[in-house]
């Protein structure tokens, strides 16, 4: 098995180092580099009709004609994408991946058993959510690099709306190459009904994520926290800036703060999904202050990126240039997802 935490010369990563205010090395040293990512899998359902959830369209008898052949194409496509994330610096796949839009633990098990991922020996963290469509969030991790010490779901509710059901927020804590980290996987409420009308739901989700992060930091002052997910808002929206309180730059990030490395990407015109010929960056990874400090004796974030290789892009037709998705309407396209994955590189000095 190829390890995905590589030992490389600090000279090799100097271009990245200068971009995010690392102190320059006075002598040649080696560093470890790892990769953590997130991917909206766009309706990764099995073919079985489950009672009490709205999954009828993703069954062989449903309008999408979702059968075993198409399910296996989807699994193969997803696994091949995941196996390549971060491959410009890390070989052997990402250490940890958070996901949204998956139906159950079974589809994650089928995913990690695909030939492209099975050699990486992934474990799974998943809990069923109350979402009416049956879609959940989940997480996989390479057992060689990450050890789960605790995990739990946190329910999102809306005051005075007893009929509100959505995805739980998944909290996973554990040892990453011996260092404690905490991950909060999200899929915030959609913009269905209009961006402004649905904004209070995402504000509520942002406040919940912030509350979870604050609780972790109260117990662990230097907690390394990754808040990742399909947030259905851009880095410039009120849910991120006012309610999650994610800072725009490293310079303004202080102890106890969260920093959004995706903010600059979005300002530079980089997105993870397209709608009406414009790009959004709904898929984000927000990090806590200890992950932006300059010292290299412990893991910190090196760079945030969107995985948008050409093979993930629609090549022709009305949606040319968009992410190449599985379906357009009820027409099977055989593509990947309507979202691009996002990921961050972690780096620390090799002792």
C-alpha atoms as a PDB file:
ATOM      1  CA  UNK A   1       0.000   0.000   0.000  1.00  0.00           C
ATOM      2  CA  UNK A   2       1.249   3.465  -0.896  1.00  0.00           C
ATOM      3  CA  UNK A   3       1.179   5.835   2.027  1.00  0.00           C
ATOM      4  CA  UNK A   4      -0.441   9.197   1.410  1.00  0.00           C
ATOM      5  CA  UNK A   5       1.559  11.184   3.961  1.00  0.00           C
ATOM      6  CA  UNK A   6       4.696  11.878   1.975  1.00  0.00           C
ATOM      7  CA  UNK A   7       8.151  12.967   3.016  1.00  0.00           C
ATOM      8  CA  UNK A   8       9.313  15.676   0.657  1.00  0.00           C
ATOM      9  CA  UNK A   9      11.933  18.383   0.621  1.00  0.00           C
ATOM     10  CA  UNK A  10      10.772  21.721   1.960  1.00  0.00           C
ATOM     11  CA  UNK A  11      12.387  23.199  -1.151  1.00  0.00           C
ATOM     12  CA  UNK A  12       9.878  21.206  -3.207  1.00  0.00           C
ATOM     13  CA  UNK A  13       6.961  22.994  -1.557  1.00  0.00           C
ATOM     14  CA  UNK A  14       8.562  26.422  -1.359  1.00  0.00           C
ATOM     15  CA  UNK A  15       6.132  27.904  -3.873  1.00  0.00           C
ATOM     16  CA  UNK A  16       3.232  26.981  -1.614  1.00  0.00           C
ATOM     17  CA  UNK A  17       5.111  28.036   1.499  1.00  0.00           C
ATOM     18  CA  UNK A  18       5.562  31.598   0.308  1.00  0.00           C
ATOM     19  CA  UNK A  19       1.877  31.873  -0.625  1.00  0.00           C
ATOM     20  CA  UNK A  20       0.627  31.298   2.910  1.00  0.00           C
ATOM     21  CA  UNK A  21       3.212  33.043   5.012  1.00  0.00           C
ATOM     22  CA  UNK A  22       5.362  30.154   6.129  1.00  0.00           C
ATOM     23  CA  UNK A  23       8.667  31.163   7.630  1.00  0.00           C
ATOM     24  CA  UNK A  24      11.418  30.232   5.205  1.00  0.00           C
ATOM     25  CA  UNK A  25      13.624  27.354   6.218  1.00  0.00           C
ATOM     26  CA  UNK A  26      17.214  28.195   7.027  1.00  0.00           C
ATOM     27  CA  UNK A  27      18.404  24.757   5.999  1.00  0.00           C
ATOM     28  CA  UNK A  28      17.144  21.851   3.978  1.00  0.00           C
ATOM     29  CA  UNK A  29      14.477  19.960   5.934  1.00  0.00           C
ATOM     30  CA  UNK A  30      11.833  17.425   5.034  1.00  0.00           C
ATOM     31  CA  UNK A  31       8.123  17.773   5.669  1.00  0.00           C
ATOM     32  CA  UNK A  32       5.137  15.455   5.841  1.00  0.00           C
ATOM     33  CA  UNK A  33       2.206  16.297   3.622  1.00  0.00           C
ATOM     34  CA  UNK A  34      -1.318  14.898   3.973  1.00  0.00           C
ATOM     35  CA  UNK A  35      -4.657  15.533   2.299  1.00  0.00           C
ATOM     36  CA  UNK A  36      -8.230  15.916   3.634  1.00  0.00           C
ATOM     37  CA  UNK A  37     -11.217  16.517   1.348  1.00  0.00           C
ATOM     38  CA  UNK A  38     -14.968  16.762   0.876  1.00  0.00           C
ATOM     39  CA  UNK A  39     -17.238  15.644  -1.982  1.00  0.00           C
ATOM     40  CA  UNK A  40     -20.958  15.989  -2.675  1.00  0.00           C
ATOM     41  CA  UNK A  41     -21.649  12.613  -4.306  1.00  0.00           C
ATOM     42  CA  UNK A  42     -24.896  13.773  -5.963  1.00  0.00           C
ATOM     43  CA  UNK A  43     -27.538  11.236  -5.021  1.00  0.00           C
ATOM     44  CA  UNK A  44     -25.514   8.121  -4.282  1.00  0.00           C
ATOM     45  CA  UNK A  45     -28.502   5.844  -3.692  1.00  0.00           C
ATOM     46  CA  UNK A  46     -28.677   2.085  -3.766  1.00  0.00           C
ATOM     47  CA  UNK A  47     -31.407   0.505  -5.912  1.00  0.00           C
ATOM     48  CA  UNK A  48     -33.604  -0.691  -3.029  1.00  0.00           C
ATOM     49  CA  UNK A  49     -36.868   1.103  -2.297  1.00  0.00           C
ATOM     50  CA  UNK A  50     -36.777   2.048   1.387  1.00  0.00           C
ATOM     51  CA  UNK A  51     -39.974   2.637   3.300  1.00  0.00           C
ATOM     52  CA  UNK A  52     -40.576   6.051   4.859  1.00  0.00           C
ATOM     53  CA  UNK A  53     -38.069   7.913   2.639  1.00  0.00           C
ATOM     54  CA  UNK A  54     -38.569   9.579  -0.724  1.00  0.00           C
ATOM     55  CA  UNK A  55     -36.198   7.454  -2.798  1.00  0.00           C
ATOM     56  CA  UNK A  56     -38.672   6.087  -5.364  1.00  0.00           C
ATOM     57  CA  UNK A  57     -37.005   7.856  -8.302  1.00  0.00           C
ATOM     58  CA  UNK A  58     -33.752   5.994  -7.525  1.00  0.00           C
ATOM     59  CA  UNK A  59     -35.155   2.496  -7.982  1.00  0.00           C
ATOM     60  CA  UNK A  60     -35.383   0.294 -11.086  1.00  0.00           C
ATOM     61  CA  UNK A  61     -39.089   1.115 -11.356  1.00  0.00           C
ATOM     62  CA  UNK A  62     -38.612   4.849 -10.772  1.00  0.00           C
ATOM     63  CA  UNK A  63     -38.471   7.659 -13.310  1.00  0.00           C
ATOM     64  CA  UNK A  64     -34.649   7.531 -13.340  1.00  0.00           C
ATOM     65  CA  UNK A  65     -34.570   3.799 -14.123  1.00  0.00           C
ATOM     66  CA  UNK A  66     -31.888   3.509 -11.426  1.00  0.00           C
ATOM     67  CA  UNK A  67     -30.641  -0.059 -11.786  1.00  0.00           C
ATOM     68  CA  UNK A  68     -27.620  -2.114 -10.776  1.00  0.00           C
ATOM     69  CA  UNK A  69     -25.678  -1.261 -13.918  1.00  0.00           C
ATOM     70  CA  UNK A  70     -26.044   2.474 -13.402  1.00  0.00           C
ATOM     71  CA  UNK A  71     -25.315   2.177  -9.697  1.00  0.00           C
ATOM     72  CA  UNK A  72     -22.053   0.365 -10.451  1.00  0.00           C
ATOM     73  CA  UNK A  73     -21.064   3.009 -13.013  1.00  0.00           C
ATOM     74  CA  UNK A  74     -21.674   5.662 -10.378  1.00  0.00           C
ATOM     75  CA  UNK A  75     -19.569   3.802  -7.785  1.00  0.00           C
ATOM     76  CA  UNK A  76     -16.703   3.334 -10.240  1.00  0.00           C
ATOM     77  CA  UNK A  77     -16.770   6.998 -11.240  1.00  0.00           C
ATOM     78  CA  UNK A  78     -16.853   8.269  -7.654  1.00  0.00           C
ATOM     79  CA  UNK A  79     -14.041   5.971  -6.555  1.00  0.00           C
ATOM     80  CA  UNK A  80     -11.780   7.021  -9.396  1.00  0.00           C
ATOM     81  CA  UNK A  81     -12.258  10.689  -8.535  1.00  0.00           C
ATOM     82  CA  UNK A  82     -11.566  10.158  -4.834  1.00  0.00           C
ATOM     83  CA  UNK A  83      -8.421   8.122  -5.537  1.00  0.00           C
ATOM     84  CA  UNK A  84      -6.919  11.058  -7.477  1.00  0.00           C
ATOM     85  CA  UNK A  85      -7.690  13.905  -5.082  1.00  0.00           C
ATOM     86  CA  UNK A  86      -4.481  15.640  -4.037  1.00  0.00           C
ATOM     87  CA  UNK A  87      -2.311  13.560  -6.374  1.00  0.00           C
ATOM     88  CA  UNK A  88      -0.169  16.546  -7.331  1.00  0.00           C
ATOM     89  CA  UNK A  89       1.503  16.262  -3.904  1.00  0.00           C
ATOM     90  CA  UNK A  90       0.158  13.096  -2.276  1.00  0.00           C
ATOM     91  CA  UNK A  91       0.036   9.630  -3.785  1.00  0.00           C
ATOM     92  CA  UNK A  92      -2.291   6.985  -2.403  1.00  0.00           C
ATOM     93  CA  UNK A  93      -5.430   9.079  -2.035  1.00  0.00           C
ATOM     94  CA  UNK A  94      -6.643  11.467   0.671  1.00  0.00           C
ATOM     95  CA  UNK A  95      -6.371  10.417   4.309  1.00  0.00           C
ATOM     96  CA  UNK A  96      -9.915  11.568   5.109  1.00  0.00           C
ATOM     97  CA  UNK A  97     -12.950  12.391   2.954  1.00  0.00           C
ATOM     98  CA  UNK A  98     -16.263  13.844   4.093  1.00  0.00           C
ATOM     99  CA  UNK A  99     -19.333  13.287   1.922  1.00  0.00           C
ATOM    100  CA  UNK A 100     -22.876  14.493   1.415  1.00  0.00           C
ATOM    101  CA  UNK A 101     -25.820  13.081  -0.578  1.00  0.00           C
ATOM    102  CA  UNK A 102     -25.360   9.412   0.263  1.00  0.00           C
ATOM    103  CA  UNK A 103     -28.275   7.183   1.184  1.00  0.00           C
ATOM    104  CA  UNK A 104     -26.831   4.919   3.877  1.00  0.00           C
ATOM    105  CA  UNK A 105     -23.788   3.147   5.236  1.00  0.00           C
ATOM    106  CA  UNK A 106     -24.197   0.389   2.660  1.00  0.00           C
ATOM    107  CA  UNK A 107     -23.426   2.672  -0.291  1.00  0.00           C
ATOM    108  CA  UNK A 108     -20.269   3.892   1.474  1.00  0.00           C
ATOM    109  CA  UNK A 109     -19.230   0.280   1.986  1.00  0.00           C
ATOM    110  CA  UNK A 110     -19.782  -0.424  -1.714  1.00  0.00           C
ATOM    111  CA  UNK A 111     -17.789   2.704  -2.548  1.00  0.00           C
ATOM    112  CA  UNK A 112     -14.699   1.863  -0.498  1.00  0.00           C
ATOM    113  CA  UNK A 113     -14.751  -1.697  -1.892  1.00  0.00           C
ATOM    114  CA  UNK A 114     -14.219  -0.392  -5.424  1.00  0.00           C
ATOM    115  CA  UNK A 115     -10.850  -1.407  -6.970  1.00  0.00           C
ATOM    116  CA  UNK A 116      -9.591   2.197  -6.964  1.00  0.00           C
ATOM    117  CA  UNK A 117     -10.144   2.570  -3.203  1.00  0.00           C
ATOM    118  CA  UNK A 118      -9.983  -0.883  -1.639  1.00  0.00           C
ATOM    119  CA  UNK A 119      -6.147  -0.958  -1.352  1.00  0.00           C
ATOM    120  CA  UNK A 120      -6.347   2.179   0.808  1.00  0.00           C
ATOM    121  CA  UNK A 121      -8.190   0.316   3.596  1.00  0.00           C
ATOM    122  CA  UNK A 122     -10.805   2.942   4.448  1.00  0.00           C
ATOM    123  CA  UNK A 123     -12.979   2.921   7.548  1.00  0.00           C
ATOM    124  CA  UNK A 124     -16.450   4.496   7.718  1.00  0.00           C
ATOM    125  CA  UNK A 125     -18.251   6.879  10.073  1.00  0.00           C
ATOM    126  CA  UNK A 126     -21.978   7.235   9.354  1.00  0.00           C
ATOM    127  CA  UNK A 127     -25.265   7.853  11.154  1.00  0.00           C
ATOM    128  CA  UNK A 128     -28.756   7.922   9.631  1.00  0.00           C
ATOM    129  CA  UNK A 129     -30.280  11.408   9.372  1.00  0.00           C
ATOM    130  CA  UNK A 130     -33.980  12.363   9.395  1.00  0.00           C
ATOM    131  CA  UNK A 131     -33.841  13.965   5.922  1.00  0.00           C
ATOM    132  CA  UNK A 132     -37.033  13.117   4.013  1.00  0.00           C
ATOM    133  CA  UNK A 133     -35.090  12.104   0.897  1.00  0.00           C
ATOM    134  CA  UNK A 134     -32.949   9.792   2.986  1.00  0.00           C
ATOM    135  CA  UNK A 135     -29.660  11.499   2.152  1.00  0.00           C
ATOM    136  CA  UNK A 136     -26.999  11.684   4.850  1.00  0.00           C
ATOM    137  CA  UNK A 137     -23.486  12.940   5.397  1.00  0.00           C
ATOM    138  CA  UNK A 138     -20.645  10.540   6.106  1.00  0.00           C
ATOM    139  CA  UNK A 139     -16.897  10.181   6.370  1.00  0.00           C
ATOM    140  CA  UNK A 140     -14.248   7.688   5.304  1.00  0.00           C
ATOM    141  CA  UNK A 141     -10.667   7.544   6.557  1.00  0.00           C
ATOM    142  CA  UNK A 142      -7.523   5.582   5.850  1.00  0.00           C
ATOM    143  CA  UNK A 143      -6.927   3.459   8.919  1.00  0.00           C
ATOM    144  CA  UNK A 144      -3.172   3.725   8.460  1.00  0.00           C
ATOM    145  CA  UNK A 145      -3.287   7.486   9.064  1.00  0.00           C
ATOM    146  CA  UNK A 146      -6.340   8.287  11.184  1.00  0.00           C
ATOM    147  CA  UNK A 147      -7.760   6.677  14.323  1.00  0.00           C
ATOM    148  CA  UNK A 148     -11.294   7.634  15.342  1.00  0.00           C
ATOM    149  CA  UNK A 149     -11.629   8.291  19.082  1.00  0.00           C
ATOM    150  CA  UNK A 150     -15.169   9.710  19.112  1.00  0.00           C
ATOM    151  CA  UNK A 151     -18.051  10.447  16.746  1.00  0.00           C
ATOM    152  CA  UNK A 152     -21.653  11.571  17.028  1.00  0.00           C
ATOM    153  CA  UNK A 153     -24.417  13.274  14.995  1.00  0.00           C
ATOM    154  CA  UNK A 154     -25.921  16.629  15.969  1.00  0.00           C
ATOM    155  CA  UNK A 155     -29.529  17.366  14.987  1.00  0.00           C
ATOM    156  CA  UNK A 156     -30.418  20.652  13.269  1.00  0.00           C
ATOM    157  CA  UNK A 157     -33.855  22.033  14.150  1.00  0.00           C
ATOM    158  CA  UNK A 158     -35.813  25.178  13.341  1.00  0.00           C
ATOM    159  CA  UNK A 159     -37.742  27.010  16.086  1.00  0.00           C
ATOM    160  CA  UNK A 160     -41.509  26.793  15.624  1.00  0.00           C
ATOM    161  CA  UNK A 161     -41.195  24.354  12.691  1.00  0.00           C
ATOM    162  CA  UNK A 162     -41.846  20.818  13.893  1.00  0.00           C
ATOM    163  CA  UNK A 163     -42.000  19.594  10.281  1.00  0.00           C
ATOM    164  CA  UNK A 164     -38.427  20.586   9.496  1.00  0.00           C
ATOM    165  CA  UNK A 165     -36.140  17.624   8.786  1.00  0.00           C
ATOM    166  CA  UNK A 166     -32.665  17.814   7.304  1.00  0.00           C
ATOM    167  CA  UNK A 167     -29.226  16.260   7.490  1.00  0.00           C
ATOM    168  CA  UNK A 168     -27.492  15.943  10.847  1.00  0.00           C
ATOM    169  CA  UNK A 169     -24.064  17.465  11.330  1.00  0.00           C
ATOM    170  CA  UNK A 170     -21.480  14.720  11.829  1.00  0.00           C
ATOM    171  CA  UNK A 171     -18.705  15.273  14.375  1.00  0.00           C
ATOM    172  CA  UNK A 172     -15.647  13.015  14.185  1.00  0.00           C
ATOM    173  CA  UNK A 173     -12.597  13.320  16.445  1.00  0.00           C
ATOM    174  CA  UNK A 174      -9.423  11.302  16.265  1.00  0.00           C
ATOM    175  CA  UNK A 175      -5.670  11.064  15.891  1.00  0.00           C
ATOM    176  CA  UNK A 176      -4.247  12.091  12.544  1.00  0.00           C
ATOM    177  CA  UNK A 177      -0.661  10.868  12.392  1.00  0.00           C
ATOM    178  CA  UNK A 178      -0.654  11.141  16.197  1.00  0.00           C
ATOM    179  CA  UNK A 179      -2.245  14.619  16.388  1.00  0.00           C
ATOM    180  CA  UNK A 180      -5.798  15.194  17.614  1.00  0.00           C
ATOM    181  CA  UNK A 181      -8.115  16.752  15.023  1.00  0.00           C
ATOM    182  CA  UNK A 182     -11.883  17.321  14.868  1.00  0.00           C
ATOM    183  CA  UNK A 183     -14.043  17.238  11.741  1.00  0.00           C
ATOM    184  CA  UNK A 184     -17.601  18.537  11.373  1.00  0.00           C
ATOM    185  CA  UNK A 185     -19.249  17.274   8.168  1.00  0.00           C
ATOM    186  CA  UNK A 186     -22.183  19.337   6.882  1.00  0.00           C
ATOM    187  CA  UNK A 187     -24.870  19.533   4.245  1.00  0.00           C
ATOM    188  CA  UNK A 188     -26.705  22.746   5.058  1.00  0.00           C
ATOM    189  CA  UNK A 189     -30.321  23.319   3.924  1.00  0.00           C
ATOM    190  CA  UNK A 190     -30.762  24.053   0.224  1.00  0.00           C
ATOM    191  CA  UNK A 191     -31.945  27.231  -1.460  1.00  0.00           C
ATOM    192  CA  UNK A 192     -35.233  25.639  -2.423  1.00  0.00           C
ATOM    193  CA  UNK A 193     -37.961  28.270  -2.239  1.00  0.00           C
ATOM    194  CA  UNK A 194     -35.465  31.035  -2.980  1.00  0.00           C
ATOM    195  CA  UNK A 195     -32.116  32.139  -1.588  1.00  0.00           C
ATOM    196  CA  UNK A 196     -33.522  34.803   0.740  1.00  0.00           C
ATOM    197  CA  UNK A 197     -36.517  32.807   1.924  1.00  0.00           C
ATOM    198  CA  UNK A 198     -34.306  29.845   2.839  1.00  0.00           C
ATOM    199  CA  UNK A 199     -31.480  31.936   4.324  1.00  0.00           C
ATOM    200  CA  UNK A 200     -32.630  31.561   7.969  1.00  0.00           C
ATOM    201  CA  UNK A 201     -32.201  27.782   7.706  1.00  0.00           C
ATOM    202  CA  UNK A 202     -28.579  28.087   6.649  1.00  0.00           C
ATOM    203  CA  UNK A 203     -27.982  30.750   9.289  1.00  0.00           C
ATOM    204  CA  UNK A 204     -29.305  28.271  11.857  1.00  0.00           C
ATOM    205  CA  UNK A 205     -27.006  25.566  10.460  1.00  0.00           C
ATOM    206  CA  UNK A 206     -24.028  27.933  10.632  1.00  0.00           C
ATOM    207  CA  UNK A 207     -24.800  28.784  14.254  1.00  0.00           C
ATOM    208  CA  UNK A 208     -24.950  25.084  15.078  1.00  0.00           C
ATOM    209  CA  UNK A 209     -21.563  24.425  13.453  1.00  0.00           C
ATOM    210  CA  UNK A 210     -20.085  27.389  15.307  1.00  0.00           C
ATOM    211  CA  UNK A 211     -21.555  26.167  18.582  1.00  0.00           C
ATOM    212  CA  UNK A 212     -20.043  22.700  18.075  1.00  0.00           C
ATOM    213  CA  UNK A 213     -16.648  24.238  17.273  1.00  0.00           C
ATOM    214  CA  UNK A 214     -16.810  26.556  20.297  1.00  0.00           C
ATOM    215  CA  UNK A 215     -17.670  23.613  22.565  1.00  0.00           C
ATOM    216  CA  UNK A 216     -14.653  21.710  21.285  1.00  0.00           C
ATOM    217  CA  UNK A 217     -12.390  24.733  21.771  1.00  0.00           C
ATOM    218  CA  UNK A 218     -13.632  25.247  25.331  1.00  0.00           C
ATOM    219  CA  UNK A 219     -12.334  21.785  26.193  1.00  0.00           C
ATOM    220  CA  UNK A 220      -9.248  21.994  23.992  1.00  0.00           C
ATOM    221  CA  UNK A 221      -7.910  25.519  23.547  1.00  0.00           C
ATOM    222  CA  UNK A 222      -5.704  24.682  20.560  1.00  0.00           C
ATOM    223  CA  UNK A 223      -8.185  22.374  18.872  1.00  0.00           C
ATOM    224  CA  UNK A 224      -7.599  21.704  15.188  1.00  0.00           C
ATOM    225  CA  UNK A 225     -11.046  21.785  13.627  1.00  0.00           C
ATOM    226  CA  UNK A 226     -12.175  21.255  10.034  1.00  0.00           C
ATOM    227  CA  UNK A 227     -15.737  22.363   9.213  1.00  0.00           C
ATOM    228  CA  UNK A 228     -16.451  20.905   5.784  1.00  0.00           C
ATOM    229  CA  UNK A 229     -19.435  20.375   3.581  1.00  0.00           C
ATOM    230  CA  UNK A 230     -21.869  21.510   0.943  1.00  0.00           C
ATOM    231  CA  UNK A 231     -23.017  24.675   2.685  1.00  0.00           C
ATOM    232  CA  UNK A 232     -25.384  25.839  -0.089  1.00  0.00           C
ATOM    233  CA  UNK A 233     -23.890  29.296   0.374  1.00  0.00           C
ATOM    234  CA  UNK A 234     -20.754  30.990  -0.913  1.00  0.00           C
ATOM    235  CA  UNK A 235     -17.859  32.189   1.306  1.00  0.00           C
ATOM    236  CA  UNK A 236     -19.164  35.745   0.933  1.00  0.00           C
ATOM    237  CA  UNK A 237     -22.674  34.975   2.232  1.00  0.00           C
ATOM    238  CA  UNK A 238     -24.048  35.985   5.605  1.00  0.00           C
ATOM    239  CA  UNK A 239     -24.186  32.426   6.943  1.00  0.00           C
ATOM    240  CA  UNK A 240     -20.395  32.137   6.641  1.00  0.00           C
ATOM    241  CA  UNK A 241     -19.405  35.664   7.614  1.00  0.00           C
ATOM    242  CA  UNK A 242     -21.932  36.586  10.301  1.00  0.00           C
ATOM    243  CA  UNK A 243     -23.104  33.299  11.807  1.00  0.00           C
ATOM    244  CA  UNK A 244     -20.167  30.907  11.348  1.00  0.00           C
ATOM    245  CA  UNK A 245     -17.864  33.928  11.819  1.00  0.00           C
ATOM    246  CA  UNK A 246     -15.321  32.611   9.343  1.00  0.00           C
ATOM    247  CA  UNK A 247     -12.499  35.091   8.752  1.00  0.00           C
ATOM    248  CA  UNK A 248     -11.532  36.070   5.201  1.00  0.00           C
ATOM    249  CA  UNK A 249      -7.754  36.229   5.664  1.00  0.00           C
ATOM    250  CA  UNK A 250      -5.082  34.624   7.790  1.00  0.00           C
ATOM    251  CA  UNK A 251      -3.957  38.070   8.982  1.00  0.00           C
ATOM    252  CA  UNK A 252      -7.289  38.798  10.693  1.00  0.00           C
ATOM    253  CA  UNK A 253      -7.593  35.312  12.216  1.00  0.00           C
ATOM    254  CA  UNK A 254      -6.936  35.283  15.960  1.00  0.00           C
ATOM    255  CA  UNK A 255      -6.979  32.550  18.652  1.00  0.00           C
ATOM    256  CA  UNK A 256     -10.485  31.160  18.911  1.00  0.00           C
ATOM    257  CA  UNK A 257     -11.354  32.212  15.347  1.00  0.00           C
ATOM    258  CA  UNK A 258     -12.203  30.197  12.272  1.00  0.00           C
ATOM    259  CA  UNK A 259     -10.573  30.917   8.892  1.00  0.00           C
ATOM    260  CA  UNK A 260     -12.043  30.219   5.467  1.00  0.00           C
ATOM    261  CA  UNK A 261      -9.288  29.470   2.921  1.00  0.00           C
ATOM    262  CA  UNK A 262     -11.979  29.125   0.233  1.00  0.00           C
ATOM    263  CA  UNK A 263     -12.807  32.854   0.385  1.00  0.00           C
ATOM    264  CA  UNK A 264      -9.900  33.876  -1.837  1.00  0.00           C
ATOM    265  CA  UNK A 265     -10.585  31.018  -4.252  1.00  0.00           C
ATOM    266  CA  UNK A 266     -14.141  32.264  -4.731  1.00  0.00           C
ATOM    267  CA  UNK A 267     -12.981  35.869  -5.146  1.00  0.00           C
ATOM    268  CA  UNK A 268     -10.572  34.602  -7.809  1.00  0.00           C
ATOM    269  CA  UNK A 269     -13.500  33.131  -9.748  1.00  0.00           C
ATOM    270  CA  UNK A 270     -13.061  29.473  -8.768  1.00  0.00           C
ATOM    271  CA  UNK A 271     -16.206  27.470  -8.018  1.00  0.00           C
ATOM    272  CA  UNK A 272     -17.341  23.945  -7.250  1.00  0.00           C
ATOM    273  CA  UNK A 273     -20.693  24.029  -9.076  1.00  0.00           C
ATOM    274  CA  UNK A 274     -22.277  26.039 -11.860  1.00  0.00           C
ATOM    275  CA  UNK A 275     -25.791  27.447 -12.131  1.00  0.00           C
ATOM    276  CA  UNK A 276     -27.174  29.665 -14.889  1.00  0.00           C
ATOM    277  CA  UNK A 277     -23.709  30.244 -16.327  1.00  0.00           C
ATOM    278  CA  UNK A 278     -22.175  31.439 -13.067  1.00  0.00           C
ATOM    279  CA  UNK A 279     -20.020  29.646 -10.511  1.00  0.00           C
ATOM    280  CA  UNK A 280     -20.722  29.050  -6.839  1.00  0.00           C
ATOM    281  CA  UNK A 281     -18.354  27.703  -4.205  1.00  0.00           C
ATOM    282  CA  UNK A 282     -20.824  25.974  -1.903  1.00  0.00           C
ATOM    283  CA  UNK A 283     -18.341  23.206  -1.062  1.00  0.00           C
ATOM    284  CA  UNK A 284     -15.944  24.533   1.545  1.00  0.00           C
ATOM    285  CA  UNK A 285     -13.468  23.571   4.258  1.00  0.00           C
ATOM    286  CA  UNK A 286     -13.220  26.087   7.109  1.00  0.00           C
ATOM    287  CA  UNK A 287     -10.448  25.640   9.672  1.00  0.00           C
ATOM    288  CA  UNK A 288      -9.599  26.773  13.200  1.00  0.00           C
ATOM    289  CA  UNK A 289      -6.785  29.132  14.180  1.00  0.00           C
ATOM    290  CA  UNK A 290      -4.144  26.527  15.157  1.00  0.00           C
ATOM    291  CA  UNK A 291      -4.196  25.249  11.554  1.00  0.00           C
ATOM    292  CA  UNK A 292      -2.973  28.601  10.185  1.00  0.00           C
ATOM    293  CA  UNK A 293      -0.056  29.221  12.538  1.00  0.00           C
ATOM    294  CA  UNK A 294       3.416  29.519  11.031  1.00  0.00           C
ATOM    295  CA  UNK A 295       5.220  26.871  13.048  1.00  0.00           C
ATOM    296  CA  UNK A 296       5.994  23.638  11.219  1.00  0.00           C
ATOM    297  CA  UNK A 297       6.435  21.415  14.269  1.00  0.00           C
ATOM    298  CA  UNK A 298       2.738  20.498  14.097  1.00  0.00           C
ATOM    299  CA  UNK A 299       0.264  20.092  11.245  1.00  0.00           C
ATOM    300  CA  UNK A 300      -1.123  23.209   9.609  1.00  0.00           C
ATOM    301  CA  UNK A 301      -2.978  23.836   6.366  1.00  0.00           C
ATOM    302  CA  UNK A 302      -0.728  24.391   3.379  1.00  0.00           C
ATOM    303  CA  UNK A 303      -3.286  25.157   0.670  1.00  0.00           C
ATOM    304  CA  UNK A 304      -6.988  24.772  -0.198  1.00  0.00           C
ATOM    305  CA  UNK A 305      -8.058  23.672  -3.670  1.00  0.00           C
ATOM    306  CA  UNK A 306     -10.978  22.634  -5.857  1.00  0.00           C
ATOM    307  CA  UNK A 307     -10.489  19.333  -7.677  1.00  0.00           C
ATOM    308  CA  UNK A 308     -11.656  20.336 -11.168  1.00  0.00           C
ATOM    309  CA  UNK A 309      -9.640  18.227 -13.582  1.00  0.00           C
ATOM    310  CA  UNK A 310     -10.914  18.271 -17.196  1.00  0.00           C
ATOM    311  CA  UNK A 311     -12.318  14.727 -17.089  1.00  0.00           C
ATOM    312  CA  UNK A 312     -14.898  15.917 -14.518  1.00  0.00           C
ATOM    313  CA  UNK A 313     -16.268  18.571 -16.874  1.00  0.00           C
ATOM    314  CA  UNK A 314     -19.107  18.347 -19.399  1.00  0.00           C
ATOM    315  CA  UNK A 315     -17.539  18.726 -22.846  1.00  0.00           C
ATOM    316  CA  UNK A 316     -20.510  19.674 -25.033  1.00  0.00           C
ATOM    317  CA  UNK A 317     -24.130  20.743 -25.115  1.00  0.00           C
ATOM    318  CA  UNK A 318     -26.081  23.229 -23.037  1.00  0.00           C
ATOM    319  CA  UNK A 319     -24.010  22.549 -19.920  1.00  0.00           C
ATOM    320  CA  UNK A 320     -20.574  22.561 -21.534  1.00  0.00           C
ATOM    321  CA  UNK A 321     -17.982  23.562 -18.939  1.00  0.00           C
ATOM    322  CA  UNK A 322     -20.193  22.546 -16.001  1.00  0.00           C
ATOM    323  CA  UNK A 323     -19.401  19.594 -13.730  1.00  0.00           C
ATOM    324  CA  UNK A 324     -20.330  16.404 -15.624  1.00  0.00           C
ATOM    325  CA  UNK A 325     -23.185  14.982 -13.598  1.00  0.00           C
ATOM    326  CA  UNK A 326     -24.921  11.616 -13.350  1.00  0.00           C
ATOM    327  CA  UNK A 327     -28.326  12.824 -14.579  1.00  0.00           C
ATOM    328  CA  UNK A 328     -29.692  15.878 -16.322  1.00  0.00           C
ATOM    329  CA  UNK A 329     -33.353  15.763 -15.436  1.00  0.00           C
ATOM    330  CA  UNK A 330     -34.253  12.099 -15.788  1.00  0.00           C
ATOM    331  CA  UNK A 331     -31.698  11.463 -18.544  1.00  0.00           C
ATOM    332  CA  UNK A 332     -28.722   9.356 -17.483  1.00  0.00           C
ATOM    333  CA  UNK A 333     -25.428  11.031 -18.454  1.00  0.00           C
ATOM    334  CA  UNK A 334     -23.000   8.559 -16.908  1.00  0.00           C
ATOM    335  CA  UNK A 335     -20.961  11.368 -15.380  1.00  0.00           C
ATOM    336  CA  UNK A 336     -19.756  12.051 -11.860  1.00  0.00           C
ATOM    337  CA  UNK A 337     -21.474  14.744  -9.787  1.00  0.00           C
ATOM    338  CA  UNK A 338     -22.899  18.234 -10.157  1.00  0.00           C
ATOM    339  CA  UNK A 339     -20.233  19.344  -7.670  1.00  0.00           C
ATOM    340  CA  UNK A 340     -16.445  19.291  -7.809  1.00  0.00           C
ATOM    341  CA  UNK A 341     -14.649  17.985  -4.693  1.00  0.00           C
ATOM    342  CA  UNK A 342     -12.626  20.347  -2.490  1.00  0.00           C
ATOM    343  CA  UNK A 343      -9.559  19.532  -0.412  1.00  0.00           C
ATOM    344  CA  UNK A 344      -6.741  20.907   1.716  1.00  0.00           C
ATOM    345  CA  UNK A 345      -3.125  19.880   2.083  1.00  0.00           C
ATOM    346  CA  UNK A 346      -1.647  19.612   5.575  1.00  0.00           C
ATOM    347  CA  UNK A 347       2.067  19.986   6.249  1.00  0.00           C
ATOM    348  CA  UNK A 348       4.472  19.655   9.148  1.00  0.00           C
ATOM    349  CA  UNK A 349       8.191  19.256   9.584  1.00  0.00           C
ATOM    350  CA  UNK A 350       9.466  15.712   9.674  1.00  0.00           C
ATOM    351  CA  UNK A 351      11.229  15.207  12.981  1.00  0.00           C
END
